[in-house]
Amino acid sequence: MSTNTEKSTGTRAAVPAPGEPAAERSGFDDLVHPDVATAFPYRKGMNTPGMLRARRVVRRVTGKDIFPTQDQIDAFCADMFAADPVAERFVDEVFYGEIGPVRGRAMLKQALAEGLSSIQDPPPSMVALFDEFEKVPDWVDPEVVEAGARVWRRWGTMLFSVAGGITLEMYTEAAVATPLSLAGGYAGDNALRRFLETARFWIDVSEPGALLTPGSTGRATAMMVRVMHVSVRRRVAEHPEWDTSRWGIPISQSYMMMTLLGGSVAPALALWTTGIQTTRSEIYQLIAFQRYLGHVVGVRSRWYPQTIADSLRLLALVSVARSHDAGDHGAELITSFPRAFAPRDGHTGFRRLRETYNGGVYAAYARLFMMPQTYRRYDMPSAFPWLLWVVGRVPLVAVVETARRIPVVGRVHEKWMRRHRESWYHAQMDGREAEFDASGALRR
């Protein structure tokens, strides 16, 4: 698959970008599949009478459509059947080959910490993986990427809140919910542990200089997540519950890219409702940061929206193409998330008070960031009175957001937010550590 991602016009790529090698084939490339995953009925959603009227009005006012161009849509739909061939080859040769998962995982961790040169006679697939991993593409501007990471640091634990709430909205889709349900990561009692692993990933990759510093914890975490995706993708694709013609392949390029939008444009706009004021320039920094983060974790989409407008058009496309076909699996994921933060048995005193607060505010964030019609479909914990607290503190948050624009205040604010997210994470983990390991059996 092409590794090219386009400029703001976003036309479909036909060849790799200059200086980038042609991507390798993966085991998924030989699958016979339709041009569009059948559970992604975008044409129907785009052409309802009401939507057609809305499109005509928007074109008349702005000269642009609500949705991406057809070339961009074709690229997005094709990427539902695209995986991560370089990482897949590594997993096939090392984890499923003579070396095995235990030694392979140890080799990977050693190479990430000490460099590939520390591995004696590394397998060819490992060399290829690290060649790609360590090469910074020409389109990366380190200062802009770091500025985007700084926005995440400034958001602190609010990133966890908004990303968690926004993601719940997509758990109505079997293409998203089924891999998570089968792997058991975000269901039932595992919901908190897996979410905290995701939070660890968000923290690590946004630490100062993390994504562009060889040997950093952030880059190591990103690679572990990339390899974990391969493992989950392979096992879910082979499961009888998975229907490739309906959903594409598990954890496809398209849905990995949607995750990146879920960390940039979508939360930046959603957080204005809480008083956090992310400017237009900061959103563009987030887009650049997420684009490079995606590159590090194996996103090689045919089209990557690099403008706010194109990002919103893609979000509009995905919104009208939803099938709401996740059924009980989606319901389990959605209802497990806010309840995961409720007080735990046996905890008392300040710890229980903190857990009560977390459970309440995460229920409020789910109510705030989910669509009302989606929220009403599920058995969610009460958002009151916590929603009043979230809304009531908006003026105070807005004051802090104004003050942090003074450089010295901004530096203090960022330092405090970094400390707070670490404190929050360790309190929730309760002595455990994130493993980023999905080598176990599927739950059914």
Foldseek 3Di string as FASTA:
>chain_A
DELDADPQLFAFDDHHDPPDDGADDAPLPPDDADLAQQLQPLVVLCDDPVNVVVQVVCCVVPVDGLARDPRNVSLLRNQLQAAFRLLLVLCCPQCVHPNHDVNSVVLLLCCQQPNNVVDDPDDPSVVSLVVLLQDDDPPADPVLLLLLLLVLLLCFCVLLLQLVLQVLQVLLFCLALVLCLQLVCCFDLNNLVNSLLVLVLSLQLSDRPRSNDRNGPNLSSLQLLLSLQSLSQVQSQPDPVDDCNNRHTRPTLSVLLVSLLSNALVVQVLCVLLQAHQDQSSSLSSLSNSVSSCSSSRRSGSYHNNHSSNSSNHVVSSVSRHNSPSPPSSLRSSQSNLCNLQADPPDDDPLNVVSNLSSQLSLLSNCSNHDVVVVVVHDHDDNPPVVVVSNVCNVVSNVLNVVLVPPVSVVVSSVVSSVVNVVVSCSSCVPDDNDSDSNDGTPD
